[in-house]
N, C-alpha and C. Protein backbone atom coordinates (compact mmCIF):
# COMPACT_ATOMS: atom_id res chain seq x y z
N LYS A 1 137.51 -52.74 -183.57
CA LYS A 1 135.82 -52.77 -183.12
C LYS A 1 135.70 -52.34 -181.64
N GLN A 2 134.81 -51.64 -181.29
CA GLN A 2 134.83 -51.65 -179.90
C GLN A 2 133.27 -51.93 -179.56
N ILE A 3 133.51 -52.31 -178.30
CA ILE A 3 131.88 -52.75 -177.72
C ILE A 3 131.51 -51.85 -176.57
N PRO A 4 130.68 -50.72 -176.84
CA PRO A 4 130.66 -49.56 -176.14
C PRO A 4 129.97 -49.66 -174.46
N PHE A 5 129.60 -50.57 -174.25
CA PHE A 5 129.09 -50.88 -173.02
C PHE A 5 129.91 -51.23 -171.68
N PHE A 6 130.60 -52.04 -172.23
CA PHE A 6 131.83 -52.42 -171.46
C PHE A 6 133.33 -51.61 -171.82
N ASP A 7 133.46 -50.89 -172.55
CA ASP A 7 134.28 -50.11 -173.01
C ASP A 7 135.62 -50.78 -173.15
N PHE A 8 135.22 -51.90 -173.98
CA PHE A 8 136.59 -52.72 -174.17
C PHE A 8 136.86 -52.25 -175.79
N THR A 9 138.11 -52.15 -176.32
CA THR A 9 138.95 -52.14 -177.45
C THR A 9 139.35 -53.49 -177.89
N THR A 10 138.73 -53.94 -179.13
CA THR A 10 139.38 -55.23 -179.45
C THR A 10 139.76 -55.39 -180.51
N THR A 11 141.21 -56.03 -180.88
CA THR A 11 141.44 -56.25 -182.08
C THR A 11 141.09 -57.64 -182.26
N ALA A 12 141.87 -58.26 -183.50
CA ALA A 12 141.75 -59.80 -184.04
C ALA A 12 142.71 -60.37 -182.79
N ALA A 13 143.88 -59.80 -182.12
CA ALA A 13 144.73 -60.63 -181.33
C ALA A 13 144.49 -60.45 -179.73
N THR A 14 143.98 -59.11 -179.50
CA THR A 14 143.92 -58.69 -178.38
C THR A 14 142.55 -58.08 -177.49
N THR A 15 142.59 -58.27 -176.34
CA THR A 15 141.37 -57.60 -175.92
C THR A 15 141.73 -56.62 -174.77
N THR A 16 141.75 -55.50 -174.64
CA THR A 16 142.59 -54.27 -173.76
C THR A 16 141.03 -53.59 -173.13
N PRO A 17 141.05 -53.92 -172.00
CA PRO A 17 139.82 -53.08 -171.09
C PRO A 17 140.69 -51.73 -170.84
N THR A 18 139.63 -50.67 -171.16
CA THR A 18 140.32 -49.06 -170.63
C THR A 18 140.30 -49.03 -169.35
N PRO A 19 141.46 -48.60 -168.99
CA PRO A 19 141.66 -48.41 -167.48
C PRO A 19 140.74 -47.49 -166.81
N PRO A 20 140.02 -47.86 -165.85
CA PRO A 20 139.32 -46.64 -165.21
C PRO A 20 139.97 -45.63 -164.74
N PRO A 21 139.12 -44.56 -164.39
CA PRO A 21 139.83 -43.27 -163.76
C PRO A 21 140.44 -43.34 -162.63
N PRO A 22 141.18 -42.76 -162.15
CA PRO A 22 141.78 -42.95 -160.74
C PRO A 22 140.47 -42.37 -159.84
N THR A 23 140.48 -43.35 -158.59
CA THR A 23 139.62 -43.08 -157.54
C THR A 23 140.32 -42.35 -156.29
N THR A 24 139.51 -41.82 -155.62
CA THR A 24 140.05 -40.87 -154.10
C THR A 24 139.50 -41.88 -153.42
N THR A 25 140.54 -42.30 -152.70
CA THR A 25 139.79 -43.23 -151.17
C THR A 25 140.99 -42.75 -150.37
N MET A 26 140.23 -42.73 -149.20
CA MET A 26 140.54 -41.68 -148.07
C MET A 26 139.83 -42.46 -146.62
N THR A 27 140.21 -42.42 -145.56
CA THR A 27 139.43 -42.33 -144.39
C THR A 27 139.90 -41.76 -143.63
N ILE A 28 138.74 -40.80 -143.39
CA ILE A 28 138.90 -39.39 -142.45
C ILE A 28 139.31 -39.83 -141.02
N PRO A 29 139.91 -39.14 -140.20
CA PRO A 29 140.53 -39.41 -139.28
C PRO A 29 138.96 -39.58 -138.16
N THR A 30 139.02 -40.59 -137.18
CA THR A 30 138.21 -40.59 -136.25
C THR A 30 137.56 -39.42 -135.68
N ILE A 31 136.42 -39.50 -135.76
CA ILE A 31 135.48 -38.43 -135.04
C ILE A 31 135.10 -38.68 -133.58
N THR A 32 135.37 -37.89 -132.82
CA THR A 32 134.78 -38.43 -131.65
C THR A 32 133.99 -37.02 -130.80
N VAL A 33 133.57 -36.11 -131.40
CA VAL A 33 132.75 -35.30 -130.80
C VAL A 33 131.74 -34.92 -131.68
N ASP A 34 130.73 -34.37 -130.84
CA ASP A 34 129.53 -34.06 -131.45
C ASP A 34 129.98 -33.29 -132.95
N GLY A 35 128.98 -33.05 -133.77
CA GLY A 35 129.54 -32.02 -134.88
C GLY A 35 128.40 -32.18 -136.06
N THR A 36 128.92 -31.76 -137.05
CA THR A 36 128.55 -31.88 -138.69
C THR A 36 129.49 -32.37 -139.57
N ILE A 37 128.99 -33.31 -140.56
CA ILE A 37 130.16 -33.77 -141.67
C ILE A 37 129.12 -33.46 -143.04
N THR A 38 129.83 -33.03 -143.98
CA THR A 38 129.53 -32.65 -145.32
C THR A 38 130.60 -33.48 -146.26
N SER A 39 129.79 -33.63 -147.48
CA SER A 39 130.46 -34.39 -148.43
C SER A 39 131.69 -33.29 -148.84
N PRO A 40 132.45 -33.65 -149.68
CA PRO A 40 133.76 -32.82 -150.07
C PRO A 40 132.97 -31.72 -150.76
N GLY A 41 133.45 -30.76 -150.75
CA GLY A 41 132.94 -29.00 -151.33
C GLY A 41 131.67 -28.68 -150.77
N TYR A 42 130.68 -29.38 -150.23
CA TYR A 42 129.35 -28.97 -149.98
C TYR A 42 129.51 -27.49 -149.69
N PRO A 43 128.77 -26.54 -150.06
CA PRO A 43 127.74 -26.68 -150.84
C PRO A 43 127.77 -26.74 -152.22
N GLN A 44 128.92 -27.11 -152.67
CA GLN A 44 129.04 -27.32 -154.56
C GLN A 44 129.14 -28.64 -154.38
N ASN A 45 129.43 -28.97 -155.63
CA ASN A 45 129.47 -30.36 -155.90
C ASN A 45 130.78 -31.62 -155.88
N TYR A 46 130.43 -32.50 -155.13
CA TYR A 46 131.50 -33.33 -154.52
C TYR A 46 131.91 -34.20 -156.09
N ASP A 47 133.08 -34.29 -155.94
CA ASP A 47 134.10 -34.92 -157.14
C ASP A 47 133.58 -36.41 -157.62
N ASN A 48 134.01 -36.93 -158.81
CA ASN A 48 133.66 -37.81 -159.18
C ASN A 48 134.57 -38.96 -158.83
N ASN A 49 134.59 -40.36 -158.72
CA ASN A 49 135.33 -41.12 -158.43
C ASN A 49 135.74 -41.27 -157.09
N LEU A 50 134.95 -40.89 -155.98
CA LEU A 50 135.45 -40.85 -154.58
C LEU A 50 135.47 -42.10 -154.08
N ASP A 51 136.08 -42.55 -152.68
CA ASP A 51 135.76 -43.44 -152.10
C ASP A 51 136.10 -43.03 -150.49
N LEU A 52 135.13 -42.38 -149.61
CA LEU A 52 135.70 -41.91 -148.50
C LEU A 52 134.76 -42.54 -147.43
N LYS A 53 135.50 -42.63 -146.00
CA LYS A 53 135.11 -43.24 -145.21
C LYS A 53 135.16 -42.66 -143.86
N TRP A 54 134.07 -41.93 -143.25
CA TRP A 54 134.24 -41.38 -141.70
C TRP A 54 133.91 -42.38 -140.74
N LEU A 55 134.42 -42.52 -139.81
CA LEU A 55 134.33 -43.41 -139.01
C LEU A 55 134.16 -42.52 -137.41
N ILE A 56 132.91 -42.27 -136.85
CA ILE A 56 132.38 -41.75 -135.52
C ILE A 56 132.48 -42.84 -134.68
N GLN A 57 133.16 -42.26 -133.32
CA GLN A 57 133.32 -42.96 -132.10
C GLN A 57 132.80 -42.41 -131.03
N VAL A 58 131.98 -42.91 -130.09
CA VAL A 58 131.59 -42.12 -128.86
C VAL A 58 132.02 -43.01 -127.61
N PRO A 59 131.87 -42.88 -126.50
CA PRO A 59 132.34 -43.53 -125.26
C PRO A 59 131.68 -44.63 -125.16
N LEU A 60 132.15 -45.98 -124.63
CA LEU A 60 131.62 -47.16 -124.57
C LEU A 60 129.89 -46.55 -123.36
N GLY A 61 128.95 -47.18 -124.02
CA GLY A 61 127.77 -47.14 -123.17
C GLY A 61 126.80 -45.87 -124.04
N LEU A 62 127.39 -45.44 -125.10
CA LEU A 62 126.46 -44.54 -125.60
C LEU A 62 126.21 -45.19 -127.18
N VAL A 63 125.33 -44.48 -128.04
CA VAL A 63 125.02 -44.48 -128.91
C VAL A 63 125.10 -43.23 -129.67
N ILE A 64 125.18 -43.63 -131.18
CA ILE A 64 125.26 -42.06 -132.00
C ILE A 64 123.70 -41.95 -133.05
N GLN A 65 123.30 -40.71 -132.88
CA GLN A 65 122.60 -40.24 -133.51
C GLN A 65 122.75 -39.85 -135.12
N ILE A 66 122.34 -40.10 -136.14
CA ILE A 66 122.74 -39.25 -137.47
C ILE A 66 121.81 -38.62 -137.76
N SER A 67 121.53 -37.52 -138.16
CA SER A 67 120.09 -36.34 -138.43
C SER A 67 120.70 -35.67 -139.93
N PHE A 68 120.14 -36.12 -141.10
CA PHE A 68 120.39 -35.43 -142.13
C PHE A 68 119.83 -34.07 -142.21
N LEU A 69 120.91 -32.85 -142.49
CA LEU A 69 120.04 -31.40 -142.98
C LEU A 69 119.76 -31.46 -144.27
N SER A 70 120.39 -31.66 -145.20
CA SER A 70 120.36 -31.50 -146.72
C SER A 70 120.99 -32.91 -147.03
N PHE A 71 120.15 -33.51 -148.25
CA PHE A 71 120.83 -34.57 -149.16
C PHE A 71 120.49 -34.59 -150.53
N ASP A 72 121.57 -34.53 -151.65
CA ASP A 72 121.65 -34.72 -153.07
C ASP A 72 122.66 -35.57 -153.73
N LEU A 73 122.43 -36.79 -153.84
CA LEU A 73 123.51 -37.44 -154.63
C LEU A 73 122.67 -37.66 -155.62
N GLU A 74 123.38 -38.74 -156.63
CA GLU A 74 122.95 -39.34 -157.92
C GLU A 74 121.94 -40.22 -157.67
N SER A 75 120.76 -40.13 -158.37
CA SER A 75 119.88 -41.26 -158.02
C SER A 75 119.56 -42.25 -158.83
N HIS A 76 119.55 -43.48 -158.22
CA HIS A 76 118.91 -44.85 -158.87
C HIS A 76 118.32 -45.31 -157.75
N SER A 77 117.51 -46.17 -158.76
CA SER A 77 116.68 -47.28 -157.82
C SER A 77 117.06 -48.08 -156.91
N SER A 78 118.55 -48.53 -157.18
CA SER A 78 119.19 -49.47 -156.31
C SER A 78 120.34 -48.84 -155.48
N CYS A 79 120.92 -47.50 -155.75
CA CYS A 79 121.66 -47.51 -155.11
C CYS A 79 122.93 -48.21 -154.73
N LYS A 80 123.04 -48.98 -155.64
CA LYS A 80 124.13 -50.10 -155.55
C LYS A 80 125.79 -49.59 -156.24
N TYR A 81 126.38 -50.12 -155.69
CA TYR A 81 127.85 -50.59 -156.30
C TYR A 81 128.14 -51.96 -156.77
N VAL A 82 128.39 -52.02 -157.74
CA VAL A 82 128.83 -53.80 -158.43
C VAL A 82 129.76 -53.67 -158.77
N ARG A 83 130.81 -54.35 -158.62
CA ARG A 83 132.20 -54.66 -159.03
C ARG A 83 132.25 -56.19 -159.87
N LEU A 84 132.76 -55.97 -161.21
CA LEU A 84 132.74 -57.34 -161.74
C LEU A 84 133.98 -57.30 -162.10
N LEU A 85 134.61 -58.78 -161.88
CA LEU A 85 135.73 -59.23 -162.12
C LEU A 85 135.79 -60.41 -163.25
N ILE A 86 136.89 -59.75 -163.94
CA ILE A 86 136.96 -60.75 -165.57
C ILE A 86 138.25 -61.12 -165.86
N LEU A 87 138.56 -62.66 -166.03
CA LEU A 87 139.83 -63.19 -166.31
C LEU A 87 140.21 -62.99 -167.97
N ILE A 88 141.27 -62.40 -168.39
CA ILE A 88 141.51 -62.21 -169.77
C ILE A 88 143.20 -62.46 -169.65
N LYS A 89 143.23 -63.57 -170.26
CA LYS A 89 144.81 -64.05 -170.30
C LYS A 89 145.25 -64.40 -168.83
N ASP A 90 144.74 -64.80 -168.12
CA ASP A 90 145.43 -65.19 -166.76
C ASP A 90 145.42 -64.11 -165.99
N LYS A 91 144.62 -62.80 -166.55
CA LYS A 91 145.14 -61.63 -165.57
C LYS A 91 143.61 -60.92 -165.35
N ILE A 92 143.18 -61.21 -163.76
CA ILE A 92 141.94 -60.52 -163.40
C ILE A 92 141.84 -59.25 -163.60
N ASN A 93 140.84 -58.52 -164.12
CA ASN A 93 140.50 -57.39 -164.67
C ASN A 93 139.60 -56.67 -163.51
N SER A 94 139.26 -55.62 -163.13
CA SER A 94 138.38 -55.40 -162.48
C SER A 94 137.52 -54.18 -163.29
N LEU A 95 136.13 -54.73 -163.34
CA LEU A 95 134.76 -53.15 -163.81
C LEU A 95 133.95 -52.75 -162.87
N HIS A 96 133.85 -51.39 -162.65
CA HIS A 96 132.93 -51.14 -161.59
C HIS A 96 131.64 -50.61 -162.35
N PHE A 97 130.56 -51.02 -162.04
CA PHE A 97 129.18 -50.11 -162.29
C PHE A 97 129.01 -49.57 -161.05
N SER A 98 128.90 -48.42 -161.00
CA SER A 98 127.97 -47.88 -159.66
C SER A 98 127.18 -46.41 -159.85
N TYR A 99 126.36 -46.39 -158.65
CA TYR A 99 126.00 -45.00 -158.83
C TYR A 99 126.48 -44.16 -157.31
N ASP A 100 126.45 -42.89 -157.44
CA ASP A 100 126.75 -42.42 -156.17
C ASP A 100 125.48 -42.84 -154.88
N SER A 101 126.27 -43.05 -153.91
CA SER A 101 125.52 -43.27 -152.67
C SER A 101 126.25 -43.13 -151.43
N LEU A 102 125.62 -43.20 -150.05
CA LEU A 102 126.27 -42.85 -149.13
C LEU A 102 125.70 -43.82 -148.09
N THR A 103 126.59 -44.88 -147.41
CA THR A 103 126.18 -46.35 -146.67
C THR A 103 126.53 -46.10 -145.32
N ILE A 104 125.91 -46.24 -144.44
CA ILE A 104 125.87 -45.89 -142.97
C ILE A 104 125.92 -47.50 -142.28
N TYR A 105 126.94 -47.82 -141.90
CA TYR A 105 127.16 -49.22 -141.00
C TYR A 105 127.10 -48.92 -139.54
N ASP A 106 126.36 -50.01 -139.21
CA ASP A 106 126.30 -49.93 -137.64
C ASP A 106 127.55 -50.40 -136.77
N GLY A 107 128.70 -50.21 -137.04
CA GLY A 107 129.87 -50.60 -136.37
C GLY A 107 131.07 -49.72 -136.82
N ASP A 108 132.44 -49.88 -137.09
CA ASP A 108 133.56 -49.52 -137.68
C ASP A 108 134.10 -49.89 -138.62
N SER A 109 133.33 -50.80 -139.52
CA SER A 109 133.55 -51.61 -140.68
C SER A 109 132.79 -51.63 -141.67
N THR A 110 133.43 -51.96 -143.05
CA THR A 110 132.20 -51.85 -144.07
C THR A 110 131.40 -53.38 -143.99
N SER A 111 132.10 -54.13 -142.81
CA SER A 111 131.47 -55.72 -142.90
C SER A 111 130.10 -55.66 -141.57
N SER A 112 130.57 -54.64 -141.17
CA SER A 112 129.44 -53.97 -139.91
C SER A 112 128.07 -54.23 -140.76
N PRO A 113 126.88 -54.27 -140.09
CA PRO A 113 125.46 -54.14 -140.57
C PRO A 113 125.24 -53.19 -140.86
N ILE A 114 124.14 -52.97 -142.20
CA ILE A 114 124.06 -51.70 -142.74
C ILE A 114 123.10 -50.98 -142.05
N LEU A 115 123.07 -49.91 -141.83
CA LEU A 115 122.05 -49.04 -141.15
C LEU A 115 121.02 -48.68 -142.32
N GLY A 116 121.62 -48.38 -143.43
CA GLY A 116 121.15 -47.54 -144.56
C GLY A 116 121.87 -47.30 -145.80
N THR A 117 121.56 -47.71 -146.86
CA THR A 117 122.18 -46.90 -148.00
C THR A 117 121.54 -45.70 -148.80
N TYR A 118 121.95 -44.90 -149.25
CA TYR A 118 120.68 -43.99 -149.64
C TYR A 118 121.63 -43.10 -150.78
N CYS A 119 120.76 -42.51 -151.77
CA CYS A 119 120.94 -41.85 -152.88
C CYS A 119 119.77 -41.02 -153.33
N GLY A 120 119.92 -40.12 -154.46
CA GLY A 120 118.52 -39.41 -154.75
C GLY A 120 118.76 -38.09 -154.10
N ASN A 121 117.52 -37.19 -153.84
CA ASN A 121 117.22 -36.34 -153.12
C ASN A 121 116.21 -36.13 -151.92
N THR A 122 115.93 -37.34 -151.80
CA THR A 122 115.20 -37.49 -150.17
C THR A 122 115.96 -37.70 -148.89
N ILE A 123 115.65 -36.65 -147.92
CA ILE A 123 116.22 -36.74 -146.76
C ILE A 123 116.38 -37.76 -146.28
N PRO A 124 117.36 -38.83 -145.89
CA PRO A 124 117.26 -40.24 -145.32
C PRO A 124 116.52 -40.03 -143.92
N PRO A 125 116.18 -40.75 -143.34
CA PRO A 125 115.62 -40.83 -142.18
C PRO A 125 116.73 -40.84 -140.92
N ASN A 126 116.65 -40.39 -139.83
CA ASN A 126 117.36 -40.23 -138.62
C ASN A 126 117.77 -41.91 -138.80
N GLN A 127 119.24 -41.72 -138.04
CA GLN A 127 119.62 -43.39 -137.72
C GLN A 127 120.20 -43.49 -136.24
N ILE A 128 120.15 -44.29 -135.82
CA ILE A 128 121.00 -44.67 -133.98
C ILE A 128 121.42 -45.79 -134.48
N SER A 129 122.79 -45.79 -133.93
CA SER A 129 123.57 -46.82 -134.00
C SER A 129 123.11 -47.71 -132.76
N SER A 130 123.46 -48.87 -132.54
CA SER A 130 123.53 -49.80 -131.52
C SER A 130 124.45 -49.98 -130.68
N GLY A 131 125.34 -49.04 -131.09
CA GLY A 131 126.55 -49.10 -129.92
C GLY A 131 127.34 -48.06 -130.44
N ASN A 132 128.57 -48.07 -129.72
CA ASN A 132 129.29 -46.71 -129.73
C ASN A 132 130.06 -46.15 -131.10
N GLU A 133 129.93 -47.07 -132.24
CA GLU A 133 130.48 -46.71 -133.24
C GLU A 133 129.48 -46.89 -134.84
N ALA A 134 130.06 -45.71 -135.71
CA ALA A 134 129.19 -46.01 -136.99
C ALA A 134 130.29 -45.20 -138.11
N LEU A 135 130.34 -45.78 -138.82
CA LEU A 135 131.04 -45.61 -140.26
C LEU A 135 130.20 -45.24 -141.44
N LEU A 136 130.36 -44.23 -141.99
CA LEU A 136 129.99 -43.47 -143.19
C LEU A 136 130.54 -44.02 -144.35
N HIS A 137 129.94 -44.21 -145.45
CA HIS A 137 131.08 -44.82 -146.60
C HIS A 137 130.24 -43.81 -147.83
N LEU A 138 130.93 -42.79 -148.24
CA LEU A 138 130.48 -41.80 -149.73
C LEU A 138 131.23 -42.92 -150.81
N ASN A 139 130.58 -43.05 -151.96
CA ASN A 139 130.85 -43.24 -153.07
C ASN A 139 130.59 -43.01 -154.35
N SER A 140 131.60 -42.44 -155.35
CA SER A 140 130.91 -41.80 -156.34
C SER A 140 131.43 -42.45 -157.42
N ASP A 141 130.83 -42.74 -158.54
CA ASP A 141 131.05 -43.19 -159.67
C ASP A 141 131.72 -42.04 -160.77
N GLY A 142 131.99 -42.33 -161.90
CA GLY A 142 132.54 -41.08 -162.82
C GLY A 142 131.71 -40.55 -163.52
N SER A 143 130.74 -40.39 -163.43
CA SER A 143 129.68 -39.77 -164.54
C SER A 143 129.16 -38.46 -163.91
N VAL A 144 128.16 -37.97 -163.03
CA VAL A 144 127.90 -37.29 -162.64
C VAL A 144 127.83 -36.73 -161.02
N THR A 145 127.85 -35.35 -160.81
CA THR A 145 127.94 -35.03 -159.19
C THR A 145 126.74 -33.98 -158.90
N TYR A 146 126.76 -34.04 -157.55
CA TYR A 146 125.65 -33.23 -157.25
C TYR A 146 125.95 -32.55 -155.77
N THR A 147 125.24 -31.63 -155.14
CA THR A 147 125.62 -31.17 -153.83
C THR A 147 126.17 -31.74 -152.63
N GLY A 148 125.71 -33.04 -152.65
CA GLY A 148 126.01 -33.88 -151.67
C GLY A 148 124.97 -34.05 -150.64
N PHE A 149 125.91 -34.18 -149.34
CA PHE A 149 125.17 -34.11 -148.09
C PHE A 149 125.74 -33.18 -146.90
N GLN A 150 125.01 -32.93 -146.10
CA GLN A 150 125.14 -32.21 -144.53
C GLN A 150 124.52 -32.99 -143.45
N LEU A 151 124.93 -33.69 -142.75
CA LEU A 151 124.65 -34.17 -141.17
C LEU A 151 124.80 -33.86 -139.77
N GLU A 152 124.09 -34.07 -139.48
CA GLU A 152 124.55 -33.93 -137.77
C GLU A 152 124.73 -35.45 -137.03
N HIS A 153 125.79 -35.26 -136.20
CA HIS A 153 125.91 -36.22 -135.53
C HIS A 153 126.29 -35.91 -133.80
N GLN A 154 125.47 -36.81 -132.94
CA GLN A 154 125.51 -36.71 -131.59
C GLN A 154 125.64 -38.08 -131.09
N GLN A 155 126.23 -38.06 -129.56
CA GLN A 155 125.98 -39.18 -128.64
C GLN A 155 124.67 -38.97 -127.95
N LEU A 156 124.21 -40.29 -127.70
CA LEU A 156 122.99 -40.23 -126.84
C LEU A 156 123.32 -41.18 -125.68
N GLY A 157 122.75 -41.41 -124.62
CA GLY A 157 122.63 -42.13 -123.48
C GLY A 157 121.82 -43.12 -124.28
N MET A 158 121.96 -44.57 -123.88
CA MET A 158 121.27 -45.68 -124.48
C MET A 158 119.94 -45.83 -123.43
């Protein structure tokens, strides 16, 4: 018997979650000069199951302005990524329910304050970091893909 929402296969004795597809996880080397960042493959569609991070750093005393030229990701009202942990026979299993999104952090890590999380095809507003670092995090699920994004970043005096 199969419960389709969670994609579990159930027999009388065991319950085995279907393993998720592999995720491409990568942190791009730190970016230290003004320039352009695009999603992988742009202007073609990006891949499914991406977990990519770009760290932008400028000299101390400067801030970073991020301006979008193009934006087209999977659309959802919440633009969220949810991870559900399930304990089955003393083993933790992880399920991911997500939509594609780009999150901009005001600092060098995903624990930094969030400047914005975006999905859909509306061009996000310009963002300015409060300090000399900003982290971009692109997450895509395993369903559909779009052309992604193109943005410019430049250092500004405070």
